PDB file of N, CA and C in Angstrom:
ATOM      1  N   LEU A   1       1.626   7.474  20.222  1.00  0.00           N
ATOM      2  CA  LEU A   1       0.619   6.960  19.317  1.00  0.00           C
ATOM      3  C   LEU A   1      -0.192   8.150  18.828  1.00  0.00           C
ATOM      4  N   ILE A   2      -0.379   8.241  17.504  1.00  0.00           N
ATOM      5  CA  ILE A   2      -1.199   9.325  16.953  1.00  0.00           C
ATOM      6  C   ILE A   2      -2.389   8.728  16.217  1.00  0.00           C
ATOM      7  N   ASP A   3      -3.438   9.535  16.123  1.00  0.00           N
ATOM      8  CA  ASP A   3      -4.635   9.058  15.425  1.00  0.00           C
ATOM      9  C   ASP A   3      -4.568   9.436  13.947  1.00  0.00           C
ATOM     10  N   GLU A   4      -5.638   9.145  13.222  1.00  0.00           N
ATOM     11  CA  GLU A   4      -5.683   9.392  11.782  1.00  0.00           C
ATOM     12  C   GLU A   4      -5.634  10.871  11.422  1.00  0.00           C
ATOM     13  N   LYS A   5      -5.922  11.727  12.387  1.00  0.00           N
ATOM     14  CA  LYS A   5      -5.897  13.171  12.144  1.00  0.00           C
ATOM     15  C   LYS A   5      -4.572  13.805  12.558  1.00  0.00           C
ATOM     16  N   GLY A   6      -3.632  12.984  13.058  1.00  0.00           N
ATOM     17  CA  GLY A   6      -2.319  13.491  13.440  1.00  0.00           C
ATOM     18  C   GLY A   6      -2.224  13.985  14.867  1.00  0.00           C
ATOM     19  N   LYS A   7      -3.237  13.693  15.690  1.00  0.00           N
ATOM     20  CA  LYS A   7      -3.220  14.119  17.093  1.00  0.00           C
ATOM     21  C   LYS A   7      -2.629  13.017  17.967  1.00  0.00           C
ATOM     22  N   VAL A   8      -1.890  13.448  18.977  1.00  0.00           N
ATOM     23  CA  VAL A   8      -1.314  12.510  19.939  1.00  0.00           C
ATOM     24  C   VAL A   8      -2.439  11.964  20.801  1.00  0.00           C
ATOM     25  N   VAL A   9      -2.517  10.626  20.896  1.00  0.00           N
ATOM     26  CA  VAL A   9      -3.563  10.000  21.708  1.00  0.00           C
ATOM     27  C   VAL A   9      -3.002   9.256  22.912  1.00  0.00           C
ATOM     28  N   GLY A  10      -1.690   9.156  23.032  1.00  0.00           N
ATOM     29  CA  GLY A  10      -1.089   8.517  24.203  1.00  0.00           C
ATOM     30  C   GLY A  10      -0.002   7.549  23.827  1.00  0.00           C
ATOM     31  N   GLU A  11       0.521   6.896  24.847  1.00  0.00           N
ATOM     32  CA  GLU A  11       1.551   5.878  24.658  1.00  0.00           C
ATOM     33  C   GLU A  11       0.907   4.571  24.222  1.00  0.00           C
ATOM     34  N   PRO A  12       1.508   3.869  23.250  1.00  0.00           N
ATOM     35  CA  PRO A  12       0.940   2.572  22.869  1.00  0.00           C
ATOM     36  C   PRO A  12       1.142   1.547  23.991  1.00  0.00           C
ATOM     37  N   LYS A  13       0.127   0.754  24.233  1.00  0.00           N
ATOM     38  CA  LYS A  13       0.218  -0.278  25.273  1.00  0.00           C
ATOM     39  C   LYS A  13       1.089  -1.446  24.812  1.00  0.00           C
ATOM     40  N   GLU A  14       1.007  -1.724  23.514  1.00  0.00           N
ATOM     41  CA  GLU A  14       1.806  -2.801  22.930  1.00  0.00           C
ATOM     42  C   GLU A  14       2.076  -2.474  21.474  1.00  0.00           C
ATOM     43  N   ARG A  15       3.103  -3.059  20.925  1.00  0.00           N
ATOM     44  CA  ARG A  15       3.463  -2.839  19.518  1.00  0.00           C
ATOM     45  C   ARG A  15       2.551  -3.666  18.643  1.00  0.00           C
ATOM     46  N   LYS A  16       1.850  -2.986  17.711  1.00  0.00           N
ATOM     47  CA  LYS A  16       0.975  -3.683  16.779  1.00  0.00           C
ATOM     48  C   LYS A  16       1.659  -3.733  15.425  1.00  0.00           C
ATOM     49  N   SER A  17       1.667  -4.884  14.800  1.00  0.00           N
ATOM     50  CA  SER A  17       2.398  -5.066  13.546  1.00  0.00           C
ATOM     51  C   SER A  17       1.788  -4.309  12.369  1.00  0.00           C
ATOM     52  N   ASP A  18       0.500  -3.958  12.452  1.00  0.00           N
ATOM     53  CA  ASP A  18      -0.136  -3.262  11.338  1.00  0.00           C
ATOM     54  C   ASP A  18      -0.007  -1.733  11.425  1.00  0.00           C
ATOM     55  N   ILE A  19       0.576  -1.237  12.511  1.00  0.00           N
ATOM     56  CA  ILE A  19       0.762   0.202  12.680  1.00  0.00           C
ATOM     57  C   ILE A  19       2.243   0.520  12.477  1.00  0.00           C
ATOM     58  N   PRO A  20       2.554   1.372  11.490  1.00  0.00           N
ATOM     59  CA  PRO A  20       3.962   1.689  11.229  1.00  0.00           C
ATOM     60  C   PRO A  20       4.580   2.526  12.351  1.00  0.00           C
ATOM     61  N   VAL A  21       5.851   2.289  12.601  1.00  0.00           N
ATOM     62  CA  VAL A  21       6.598   3.054  13.594  1.00  0.00           C
ATOM     63  C   VAL A  21       7.350   4.156  12.868  1.00  0.00           C
ATOM     64  N   VAL A  22       7.132   5.381  13.317  1.00  0.00           N
ATOM     65  CA  VAL A  22       7.846   6.532  12.776  1.00  0.00           C
ATOM     66  C   VAL A  22       8.638   7.120  13.925  1.00  0.00           C
ATOM     67  N   GLU A  23       9.957   7.127  13.769  1.00  0.00           N
ATOM     68  CA  GLU A  23      10.839   7.603  14.827  1.00  0.00           C
ATOM     69  C   GLU A  23      11.182   9.070  14.604  1.00  0.00           C
ATOM     70  N   ASP A  24      10.907   9.879  15.624  1.00  0.00           N
ATOM     71  CA  ASP A  24      11.188  11.308  15.568  1.00  0.00           C
ATOM     72  C   ASP A  24      12.575  11.552  16.144  1.00  0.00           C
ATOM     73  N   LYS A  25      13.537  11.881  15.287  1.00  0.00           N
ATOM     74  CA  LYS A  25      14.900  12.149  15.724  1.00  0.00           C
ATOM     75  C   LYS A  25      15.049  13.529  16.360  1.00  0.00           C
ATOM     76  N   LYS A  26      14.012  14.379  16.232  1.00  0.00           N
ATOM     77  CA  LYS A  26      14.052  15.716  16.828  1.00  0.00           C
ATOM     78  C   LYS A  26      13.649  15.669  18.295  1.00  0.00           C
ATOM     79  N   ASN A  27      13.054  14.554  18.725  1.00  0.00           N
ATOM     80  CA  ASN A  27      12.608  14.366  20.104  1.00  0.00           C
ATOM     81  C   ASN A  27      11.698  15.493  20.582  1.00  0.00           C
ATOM     82  N   LEU A  28      10.655  15.753  19.817  1.00  0.00           N
ATOM     83  CA  LEU A  28       9.694  16.781  20.186  1.00  0.00           C
ATOM     84  C   LEU A  28       8.946  16.389  21.458  1.00  0.00           C
ATOM     85  N   THR A  29       8.568  17.386  22.232  1.00  0.00           N
ATOM     86  CA  THR A  29       7.741  17.150  23.405  1.00  0.00           C
ATOM     87  C   THR A  29       6.313  16.908  22.927  1.00  0.00           C
ATOM     88  N   LEU A  30       5.726  15.839  23.400  1.00  0.00           N
ATOM     89  CA  LEU A  30       4.390  15.459  22.955  1.00  0.00           C
ATOM     90  C   LEU A  30       3.382  15.631  24.075  1.00  0.00           C
ATOM     91  N   GLU A  31       2.212  16.153  23.716  1.00  0.00           N
ATOM     92  CA  GLU A  31       1.122  16.286  24.668  1.00  0.00           C
ATOM     93  C   GLU A  31      -0.116  15.621  24.084  1.00  0.00           C
ATOM     94  N   VAL A  32      -0.760  14.791  24.885  1.00  0.00           N
ATOM     95  CA  VAL A  32      -1.981  14.126  24.442  1.00  0.00           C
ATOM     96  C   VAL A  32      -3.008  15.179  24.047  1.00  0.00           C
ATOM     97  N   GLY A  33      -3.642  14.971  22.886  1.00  0.00           N
ATOM     98  CA  GLY A  33      -4.658  15.876  22.383  1.00  0.00           C
ATOM     99  C   GLY A  33      -4.129  16.950  21.449  1.00  0.00           C
ATOM    100  N   LYS A  34      -2.821  17.141  21.411  1.00  0.00           N
ATOM    101  CA  LYS A  34      -2.224  18.156  20.539  1.00  0.00           C
ATOM    102  C   LYS A  34      -1.943  17.552  19.172  1.00  0.00           C
ATOM    103  N   SER A  35      -2.093  18.389  18.132  1.00  0.00           N
ATOM    104  CA  SER A  35      -1.765  17.946  16.776  1.00  0.00           C
ATOM    105  C   SER A  35      -0.255  17.885  16.621  1.00  0.00           C
ATOM    106  N   LEU A  36       0.217  16.800  16.055  1.00  0.00           N
ATOM    107  CA  LEU A  36       1.647  16.615  15.839  1.00  0.00           C
ATOM    108  C   LEU A  36       1.982  16.718  14.360  1.00  0.00           C
ATOM    109  N   VAL A  37       1.177  16.066  13.531  1.00  0.00           N
ATOM    110  CA  VAL A  37       1.401  16.053  12.085  1.00  0.00           C
ATOM    111  C   VAL A  37       0.078  16.281  11.370  1.00  0.00           C
ATOM    112  N   THR A  38       0.165  16.524  10.065  1.00  0.00           N
ATOM    113  CA  THR A  38      -1.040  16.729   9.268  1.00  0.00           C
ATOM    114  C   THR A  38      -1.670  15.396   8.883  1.00  0.00           C
ATOM    115  N   THR A  39      -2.916  15.456   8.477  1.00  0.00           N
ATOM    116  CA  THR A  39      -3.564  14.232   7.987  1.00  0.00           C
ATOM    117  C   THR A  39      -2.886  13.760   6.703  1.00  0.00           C
ATOM    118  N   ASP A  40      -2.363  14.692   5.895  1.00  0.00           N
ATOM    119  CA  ASP A  40      -1.631  14.304   4.683  1.00  0.00           C
ATOM    120  C   ASP A  40      -0.393  13.484   5.036  1.00  0.00           C
ATOM    121  N   PHE A  41       0.297  13.857   6.104  1.00  0.00           N
ATOM    122  CA  PHE A  41       1.466  13.094   6.544  1.00  0.00           C
ATOM    123  C   PHE A  41       1.044  11.692   6.973  1.00  0.00           C
ATOM    124  N   VAL A  42      -0.009  11.615   7.764  1.00  0.00           N
ATOM    125  CA  VAL A  42      -0.518  10.310   8.215  1.00  0.00           C
ATOM    126  C   VAL A  42      -0.910   9.460   7.010  1.00  0.00           C
ATOM    127  N   ASP A  43      -1.594  10.060   6.043  1.00  0.00           N
ATOM    128  CA  ASP A  43      -2.009   9.325   4.846  1.00  0.00           C
ATOM    129  C   ASP A  43      -0.800   8.838   4.047  1.00  0.00           C
ATOM    130  N   PHE A  44       0.250   9.653   3.965  1.00  0.00           N
ATOM    131  CA  PHE A  44       1.465   9.274   3.240  1.00  0.00           C
ATOM    132  C   PHE A  44       2.090   8.031   3.890  1.00  0.00           C
ATOM    133  N   ILE A  45       2.230   8.056   5.207  1.00  0.00           N
ATOM    134  CA  ILE A  45       2.813   6.923   5.938  1.00  0.00           C
ATOM    135  C   ILE A  45       1.941   5.678   5.783  1.00  0.00           C
ATOM    136  N   LYS A  46       0.631   5.853   5.894  1.00  0.00           N
ATOM    137  CA  LYS A  46      -0.274   4.713   5.737  1.00  0.00           C
ATOM    138  C   LYS A  46      -0.154   4.111   4.341  1.00  0.00           C
ATOM    139  N   TYR A  47      -0.084   4.966   3.327  1.00  0.00           N
ATOM    140  CA  TYR A  47       0.037   4.465   1.949  1.00  0.00           C
ATOM    141  C   TYR A  47       1.328   3.662   1.789  1.00  0.00           C
ATOM    142  N   LEU A  48       2.432   4.222   2.255  1.00  0.00           N
ATOM    143  CA  LEU A  48       3.697   3.479   2.168  1.00  0.00           C
ATOM    144  C   LEU A  48       3.597   2.146   2.889  1.00  0.00           C
ATOM    145  N   ASN A  49       3.041   2.169   4.079  1.00  0.00           N
ATOM    146  CA  ASN A  49       2.920   0.951   4.872  1.00  0.00           C
ATOM    147  C   ASN A  49       2.090  -0.112   4.147  1.00  0.00           C
ATOM    148  N   GLN A  50       1.061   0.319   3.430  1.00  0.00           N
ATOM    149  CA  GLN A  50       0.176  -0.624   2.737  1.00  0.00           C
ATOM    150  C   GLN A  50       0.714  -1.095   1.392  1.00  0.00           C
ATOM    151  N   HIS A  51       1.550  -0.281   0.724  1.00  0.00           N
ATOM    152  CA  HIS A  51       1.921  -0.583  -0.659  1.00  0.00           C
ATOM    153  C   HIS A  51       3.414  -0.814  -0.912  1.00  0.00           C
ATOM    154  N   PHE A  52       4.250  -0.572   0.063  1.00  0.00           N
ATOM    155  CA  PHE A  52       5.689  -0.685  -0.148  1.00  0.00           C
ATOM    156  C   PHE A  52       6.093  -2.109  -0.529  1.00  0.00           C
ATOM    157  N   TYR A  53       5.631  -3.088   0.240  1.00  0.00           N
ATOM    158  CA  TYR A  53       6.019  -4.471  -0.019  1.00  0.00           C
ATOM    159  C   TYR A  53       5.540  -4.957  -1.387  1.00  0.00           C
ATOM    160  N   GLU A  54       4.288  -4.680  -1.717  1.00  0.00           N
ATOM    161  CA  GLU A  54       3.749  -5.171  -2.996  1.00  0.00           C
ATOM    162  C   GLU A  54       4.453  -4.548  -4.201  1.00  0.00           C
ATOM    163  N   ASN A  55       5.028  -3.362  -4.023  1.00  0.00           N
ATOM    164  CA  ASN A  55       5.714  -2.686  -5.124  1.00  0.00           C
ATOM    165  C   ASN A  55       7.218  -2.930  -5.165  1.00  0.00           C
ATOM    166  N   THR A  56       7.818  -3.251  -4.034  1.00  0.00           N
ATOM    167  CA  THR A  56       9.278  -3.406  -3.984  1.00  0.00           C
ATOM    168  C   THR A  56       9.725  -4.812  -3.592  1.00  0.00           C
ATOM    169  N   GLY A  57       8.840  -5.576  -2.988  1.00  0.00           N
ATOM    170  CA  GLY A  57       9.216  -6.893  -2.485  1.00  0.00           C
ATOM    171  C   GLY A  57       9.982  -6.823  -1.175  1.00  0.00           C
ATOM    172  N   ALA A  58      10.063  -5.643  -0.584  1.00  0.00           N
ATOM    173  CA  ALA A  58      10.794  -5.453   0.664  1.00  0.00           C
ATOM    174  C   ALA A  58       9.853  -4.919   1.744  1.00  0.00           C
ATOM    175  N   LYS A  59      10.159  -5.242   2.976  1.00  0.00           N
ATOM    176  CA  LYS A  59       9.366  -4.816   4.108  1.00  0.00           C
ATOM    177  C   LYS A  59      10.017  -3.585   4.753  1.00  0.00           C
ATOM    178  N   ILE A  60       9.200  -2.593   5.084  1.00  0.00           N
ATOM    179  CA  ILE A  60       9.699  -1.419   5.798  1.00  0.00           C
ATOM    180  C   ILE A  60      10.068  -1.838   7.219  1.00  0.00           C
ATOM    181  N   THR A  61      11.269  -1.461   7.649  1.00  0.00           N
ATOM    182  CA  THR A  61      11.696  -1.777   9.003  1.00  0.00           C
ATOM    183  C   THR A  61      11.609  -0.574   9.936  1.00  0.00           C
ATOM    184  N   LYS A  62      11.753   0.646   9.361  1.00  0.00           N
ATOM    185  CA  LYS A  62      11.686   1.846  10.185  1.00  0.00           C
ATOM    186  C   LYS A  62      11.514   3.062   9.294  1.00  0.00           C
ATOM    187  N   VAL A  63      10.816   4.065   9.828  1.00  0.00           N
ATOM    188  CA  VAL A  63      10.678   5.361   9.168  1.00  0.00           C
ATOM    189  C   VAL A  63      11.197   6.404  10.150  1.00  0.00           C
ATOM    190  N   GLU A  64      12.046   7.311   9.655  1.00  0.00           N
ATOM    191  CA  GLU A  64      12.619   8.350  10.507  1.00  0.00           C
ATOM    192  C   GLU A  64      12.246   9.739  10.016  1.00  0.00           C
ATOM    193  N   ILE A  65      12.093  10.642  10.981  1.00  0.00           N
ATOM    194  CA  ILE A  65      11.947  12.065  10.708  1.00  0.00           C
ATOM    195  C   ILE A  65      13.161  12.727  11.348  1.00  0.00           C
ATOM    196  N   ASN A  66      13.928  13.486  10.557  1.00  0.00           N
ATOM    197  CA  ASN A  66      15.096  14.156  11.120  1.00  0.00           C
ATOM    198  C   ASN A  66      14.857  15.636  11.379  1.00  0.00           C
ATOM    199  N   GLU A  67      14.655  16.404  10.357  1.00  0.00           N
ATOM    200  CA  GLU A  67      14.510  17.852  10.509  1.00  0.00           C
ATOM    201  C   GLU A  67      13.093  18.346  10.315  1.00  0.00           C
ATOM    202  N   SER A  68      12.371  17.743   9.411  1.00  0.00           N
ATOM    203  CA  SER A  68      11.061  18.256   9.024  1.00  0.00           C
ATOM    204  C   SER A  68      10.110  17.097   8.761  1.00  0.00           C
ATOM    205  N   PHE A  69       8.839  17.330   9.059  1.00  0.00           N
ATOM    206  CA  PHE A  69       7.831  16.318   8.751  1.00  0.00           C
ATOM    207  C   PHE A  69       7.567  16.226   7.255  1.00  0.00           C
ATOM    208  N   ASN A  70       8.136  17.126   6.482  1.00  0.00           N
ATOM    209  CA  ASN A  70       7.993  17.087   5.032  1.00  0.00           C
ATOM    210  C   ASN A  70       8.917  16.067   4.388  1.00  0.00           C
ATOM    211  N   GLU A  71       9.869  15.564   5.143  1.00  0.00           N
ATOM    212  CA  GLU A  71      10.830  14.594   4.607  1.00  0.00           C
ATOM    213  C   GLU A  71      10.960  13.423   5.574  1.00  0.00           C
ATOM    214  N   ILE A  72      10.949  12.233   5.010  1.00  0.00           N
ATOM    215  CA  ILE A  72      11.154  11.033   5.825  1.00  0.00           C
ATOM    216  C   ILE A  72      12.243  10.179   5.203  1.00  0.00           C
ATOM    217  N   ILE A  73      12.818   9.337   6.037  1.00  0.00           N
ATOM    218  CA  ILE A  73      13.793   8.347   5.584  1.00  0.00           C
ATOM    219  C   ILE A  73      13.200   6.979   5.883  1.00  0.00           C
ATOM    220  N   VAL A  74      13.088   6.163   4.851  1.00  0.00           N
ATOM    221  CA  VAL A  74      12.503   4.833   4.983  1.00  0.00           C
ATOM    222  C   VAL A  74      13.607   3.787   4.896  1.00  0.00           C
ATOM    223  N   TYR A  75      13.686   2.961   5.927  1.00  0.00           N
ATOM    224  CA  TYR A  75      14.612   1.834   5.950  1.00  0.00           C
ATOM    225  C   TYR A  75      13.805   0.575   5.693  1.00  0.00           C
ATOM    226  N   SER A  76      14.403  -0.346   4.948  1.00  0.00           N
ATOM    227  CA  SER A  76      13.683  -1.561   4.592  1.00  0.00           C
ATOM    228  C   SER A  76      14.668  -2.703   4.393  1.00  0.00           C
ATOM    229  N   ASP A  77      14.147  -3.812   3.914  1.00  0.00           N
ATOM    230  CA  ASP A  77      14.976  -4.980   3.586  1.00  0.00           C
ATOM    231  C   ASP A  77      15.821  -4.761   2.335  1.00  0.00           C
ATOM    232  N   LEU A  78      15.693  -3.603   1.686  1.00  0.00           N
ATOM    233  CA  LEU A  78      16.425  -3.349   0.442  1.00  0.00           C
ATOM    234  C   LEU A  78      17.915  -3.087   0.658  1.00  0.00           C
ATOM    235  N   LYS A  79      18.359  -2.924   1.902  1.00  0.00           N
ATOM    236  CA  LYS A  79      19.768  -2.702   2.248  1.00  0.00           C
ATOM    237  C   LYS A  79      20.241  -1.295   1.928  1.00  0.00           C
ATOM    238  N   PHE A  80      19.345  -0.422   1.534  1.00  0.00           N
ATOM    239  CA  PHE A  80      19.646   1.002   1.388  1.00  0.00           C
ATOM    240  C   PHE A  80      18.405   1.766   1.838  1.00  0.00           C
ATOM    241  N   TYR A  81      18.600   3.017   2.168  1.00  0.00           N
ATOM    242  CA  TYR A  81      17.455   3.799   2.620  1.00  0.00           C
ATOM    243  C   TYR A  81      16.943   4.704   1.504  1.00  0.00           C
ATOM    244  N   ILE A  82      15.705   5.156   1.674  1.00  0.00           N
ATOM    245  CA  ILE A  82      15.042   5.972   0.666  1.00  0.00           C
ATOM    246  C   ILE A  82      14.504   7.224   1.342  1.00  0.00           C
ATOM    247  N   MET A  83      14.804   8.384   0.751  1.00  0.00           N
ATOM    248  CA  MET A  83      14.313   9.649   1.278  1.00  0.00           C
ATOM    249  C   MET A  83      13.130  10.109   0.431  1.00  0.00           C
ATOM    250  N   PHE A  84      12.018  10.389   1.097  1.00  0.00           N
ATOM    251  CA  PHE A  84      10.794  10.824   0.423  1.00  0.00           C
ATOM    252  C   PHE A  84      10.406  12.229   0.874  1.00  0.00           C
ATOM    253  N   ASP A  85       9.706  12.933   0.004  1.00  0.00           N
ATOM    254  CA  ASP A  85       9.064  14.202   0.319  1.00  0.00           C
ATOM    255  C   ASP A  85       7.600  13.894   0.589  1.00  0.00           C
ATOM    256  N   THR A  86       7.156  14.098   1.816  1.00  0.00           N
ATOM    257  CA  THR A  86       5.794  13.719   2.195  1.00  0.00           C
ATOM    258  C   THR A  86       4.742  14.729   1.759  1.00  0.00           C
ATOM    259  N   THR A  87       5.165  15.837   1.131  1.00  0.00           N
ATOM    260  CA  THR A  87       4.184  16.811   0.642  1.00  0.00           C
ATOM    261  C   THR A  87       3.660  16.434  -0.740  1.00  0.00           C
ATOM    262  N   ARG A  88       4.242  15.412  -1.323  1.00  0.00           N
ATOM    263  CA  ARG A  88       3.802  14.960  -2.643  1.00  0.00           C
ATOM    264  C   ARG A  88       2.839  13.788  -2.518  1.00  0.00           C
ATOM    265  N   SER A  89       2.267  13.423  -3.630  1.00  0.00           N
ATOM    266  CA  SER A  89       1.347  12.292  -3.674  1.00  0.00           C
ATOM    267  C   SER A  89       2.102  10.995  -3.382  1.00  0.00           C
ATOM    268  N   PRO A  90       1.636  10.215  -2.405  1.00  0.00           N
ATOM    269  CA  PRO A  90       2.321   8.945  -2.130  1.00  0.00           C
ATOM    270  C   PRO A  90       2.229   7.969  -3.307  1.00  0.00           C
ATOM    271  N   GLU A  91       1.131   8.049  -4.058  1.00  0.00           N
ATOM    272  CA  GLU A  91       0.986   7.182  -5.227  1.00  0.00           C
ATOM    273  C   GLU A  91       2.069   7.488  -6.261  1.00  0.00           C
ATOM    274  N   ASN A  92       2.288   8.780  -6.524  1.00  0.00           N
ATOM    275  CA  ASN A  92       3.323   9.169  -7.485  1.00  0.00           C
ATOM    276  C   ASN A  92       4.717   8.854  -6.969  1.00  0.00           C
ATOM    277  N   GLU A  93       4.941   9.054  -5.687  1.00  0.00           N
ATOM    278  CA  GLU A  93       6.248   8.732  -5.111  1.00  0.00           C
ATOM    279  C   GLU A  93       6.538   7.233  -5.245  1.00  0.00           C
ATOM    280  N   MET A  94       5.507   6.411  -5.048  1.00  0.00           N
ATOM    281  CA  MET A  94       5.689   4.967  -5.182  1.00  0.00           C
ATOM    282  C   MET A  94       5.961   4.595  -6.629  1.00  0.00           C
ATOM    283  N   LYS A  95       5.248   5.218  -7.572  1.00  0.00           N
ATOM    284  CA  LYS A  95       5.504   4.958  -8.999  1.00  0.00           C
ATOM    285  C   LYS A  95       6.926   5.352  -9.367  1.00  0.00           C
ATOM    286  N   ASN A  96       7.381   6.502  -8.865  1.00  0.00           N
ATOM    287  CA  ASN A  96       8.745   6.951  -9.126  1.00  0.00           C
ATOM    288  C   ASN A  96       9.775   5.996  -8.527  1.00  0.00           C
ATOM    289  N   LEU A  97       9.478   5.477  -7.349  1.00  0.00           N
ATOM    290  CA  LEU A  97      10.388   4.514  -6.720  1.00  0.00           C
ATOM    291  C   LEU A  97      10.495   3.250  -7.563  1.00  0.00           C
ATOM    292  N   VAL A  98       9.367   2.724  -7.999  1.00  0.00           N
ATOM    293  CA  VAL A  98       9.366   1.511  -8.824  1.00  0.00           C
ATOM    294  C   VAL A  98      10.141   1.759 -10.122  1.00  0.00           C
ATOM    295  N   THR A  99       9.915   2.903 -10.748  1.00  0.00           N
ATOM    296  CA  THR A  99      10.647   3.261 -11.965  1.00  0.00           C
ATOM    297  C   THR A  99      12.148   3.301 -11.699  1.00  0.00           C
ATOM    298  N   ALA A 100      12.532   3.897 -10.592  1.00  0.00           N
ATOM    299  CA  ALA A 100      13.955   3.983 -10.251  1.00  0.00           C
ATOM    300  C   ALA A 100      14.548   2.598 -10.008  1.00  0.00           C
ATOM    301  N   LEU A 101      13.837   1.753  -9.291  1.00  0.00           N
ATOM    302  CA  LEU A 101      14.352   0.415  -8.982  1.00  0.00           C
ATOM    303  C   LEU A 101      14.486  -0.454 -10.231  1.00  0.00           C
ATOM    304  N   GLU A 102      13.674  -0.174 -11.244  1.00  0.00           N
ATOM    305  CA  GLU A 102      13.733  -0.937 -12.486  1.00  0.00           C
ATOM    306  C   GLU A 102      14.711  -0.345 -13.502  1.00  0.00           C
ATOM    307  N   ASN A 103      15.232   0.843 -13.231  1.00  0.00           N
ATOM    308  CA  ASN A 103      16.161   1.522 -14.133  1.00  0.00           C
ATOM    309  C   ASN A 103      17.464   0.735 -14.244  1.00  0.00           C
ATOM    310  N   SER A 104      17.948   0.539 -15.454  1.00  0.00           N
ATOM    311  CA  SER A 104      19.154  -0.267 -15.680  1.00  0.00           C
ATOM    312  C   SER A 104      20.401   0.333 -15.036  1.00  0.00           C
ATOM    313  N   GLU A 105      20.433   1.662 -14.850  1.00  0.00           N
ATOM    314  CA  GLU A 105      21.579   2.287 -14.197  1.00  0.00           C
ATOM    315  C   GLU A 105      21.609   2.012 -12.697  1.00  0.00           C
ATOM    316  N   ILE A 106      20.467   1.719 -12.125  1.00  0.00           N
ATOM    317  CA  ILE A 106      20.361   1.504 -10.678  1.00  0.00           C
ATOM    318  C   ILE A 106      20.256   0.023 -10.331  1.00  0.00           C
ATOM    319  N   LYS A 107      19.499  -0.714 -11.124  1.00  0.00           N
ATOM    320  CA  LYS A 107      19.212  -2.122 -10.836  1.00  0.00           C
ATOM    321  C   LYS A 107      20.504  -2.914 -10.660  1.00  0.00           C
ATOM    322  N   GLY A 108      20.585  -3.640  -9.562  1.00  0.00           N
ATOM    323  CA  GLY A 108      21.729  -4.493  -9.308  1.00  0.00           C
ATOM    324  C   GLY A 108      22.922  -3.798  -8.656  1.00  0.00           C
ATOM    325  N   LYS A 109      22.838  -2.483  -8.484  1.00  0.00           N
ATOM    326  CA  LYS A 109      23.944  -1.759  -7.845  1.00  0.00           C
ATOM    327  C   LYS A 109      23.851  -1.891  -6.335  1.00  0.00           C
ATOM    328  N   ASN A 110      24.997  -1.784  -5.696  1.00  0.00           N
ATOM    329  CA  ASN A 110      25.076  -1.794  -4.244  1.00  0.00           C
ATOM    330  C   ASN A 110      24.867  -0.354  -3.765  1.00  0.00           C
ATOM    331  N   LEU A 111      23.617   0.026  -3.512  1.00  0.00           N
ATOM    332  CA  LEU A 111      23.279   1.399  -3.187  1.00  0.00           C
ATOM    333  C   LEU A 111      23.387   1.685  -1.701  1.00  0.00           C
ATOM    334  N   THR A 112      23.633   2.959  -1.382  1.00  0.00           N
ATOM    335  CA  THR A 112      23.560   3.444  -0.014  1.00  0.00           C
ATOM    336  C   THR A 112      22.202   4.082   0.221  1.00  0.00           C
ATOM    337  N   TYR A 113      21.739   4.875  -0.768  1.00  0.00           N
ATOM    338  CA  TYR A 113      20.434   5.516  -0.649  1.00  0.00           C
ATOM    339  C   TYR A 113      19.864   5.888  -2.011  1.00  0.00           C
ATOM    340  N   LEU A 114      18.553   6.144  -2.009  1.00  0.00           N
ATOM    341  CA  LEU A 114      17.835   6.789  -3.117  1.00  0.00           C
ATOM    342  C   LEU A 114      17.215   8.040  -2.517  1.00  0.00           C
ATOM    343  N   ASP A 115      17.468   9.173  -3.127  1.00  0.00           N
ATOM    344  CA  ASP A 115      16.911  10.433  -2.650  1.00  0.00           C
ATOM    345  C   ASP A 115      15.877  10.912  -3.656  1.00  0.00           C
ATOM    346  N   MET A 116      14.621  10.905  -3.239  1.00  0.00           N
ATOM    347  CA  MET A 116      13.516  11.254  -4.128  1.00  0.00           C
ATOM    348  C   MET A 116      12.868  12.569  -3.718  1.00  0.00           C
ATOM    349  N   ARG A 117      13.570  13.393  -2.968  1.00  0.00           N
ATOM    350  CA  ARG A 117      12.974  14.613  -2.413  1.00  0.00           C
ATOM    351  C   ARG A 117      12.881  15.769  -3.405  1.00  0.00           C
ATOM    352  N   ILE A 118      13.633  15.734  -4.473  1.00  0.00           N
ATOM    353  CA  ILE A 118      13.602  16.819  -5.448  1.00  0.00           C
ATOM    354  C   ILE A 118      12.694  16.411  -6.602  1.00  0.00           C
ATOM    355  N   LYS A 119      11.731  17.264  -6.892  1.00  0.00           N
ATOM    356  CA  LYS A 119      10.724  16.953  -7.900  1.00  0.00           C
ATOM    357  C   LYS A 119      11.358  16.616  -9.247  1.00  0.00           C
ATOM    358  N   ASN A 120      10.884  15.535  -9.849  1.00  0.00           N
ATOM    359  CA  ASN A 120      11.320  15.056 -11.170  1.00  0.00           C
ATOM    360  C   ASN A 120      12.780  14.622 -11.218  1.00  0.00           C
ATOM    361  N   LYS A 121      13.396  14.358 -10.086  1.00  0.00           N
ATOM    362  CA  LYS A 121      14.776  13.876 -10.055  1.00  0.00           C
ATOM    363  C   LYS A 121      14.905  12.808  -8.975  1.00  0.00           C
ATOM    364  N   ILE A 122      15.803  11.878  -9.228  1.00  0.00           N
ATOM    365  CA  ILE A 122      16.136  10.877  -8.207  1.00  0.00           C
ATOM    366  C   ILE A 122      17.664  10.817  -8.160  1.00  0.00           C
ATOM    367  N   PHE A 123      18.182  10.983  -6.954  1.00  0.00           N
ATOM    368  CA  PHE A 123      19.618  10.889  -6.746  1.00  0.00           C
ATOM    369  C   PHE A 123      19.906   9.580  -6.019  1.00  0.00           C
ATOM    370  N   TYR A 124      21.048   9.014  -6.300  1.00  0.00           N
ATOM    371  CA  TYR A 124      21.426   7.782  -5.612  1.00  0.00           C
ATOM    372  C   TYR A 124      22.913   7.744  -5.372  1.00  0.00           C
ATOM    373  N   LYS A 125      23.275   6.957  -4.419  1.00  0.00           N
ATOM    374  CA  LYS A 125      24.687   6.720  -4.106  1.00  0.00           C
ATOM    375  C   LYS A 125      24.860   5.250  -3.839  1.00  0.00           C
TER     376      LYS A 125
END
């Protein structure tokens, strides 16, 4: 469990539905009181958690970190995953996602992923 400043505060006693789960695939060693992520990272995750459903109609099921805290993979009810760059504005990333989902080349396709990590480009498969 981390606080709003990105510091480890301990193990959660119970799973709370309003707190997003971010899974660290790197399995970093965690120490209570140590900074794990930046406040910008925490704010990015909070923004996604608060606005993803209202903008996409889908619920986030899991967020993963693989190599870097600058990139996350978001899994949701959309049946494909989305890769985000967390160093950018979450508001702009959400606008770009909505634009991509409404694009006629993408809409209705059976996608595997949307990759939004490269500035001004969206890749999909």
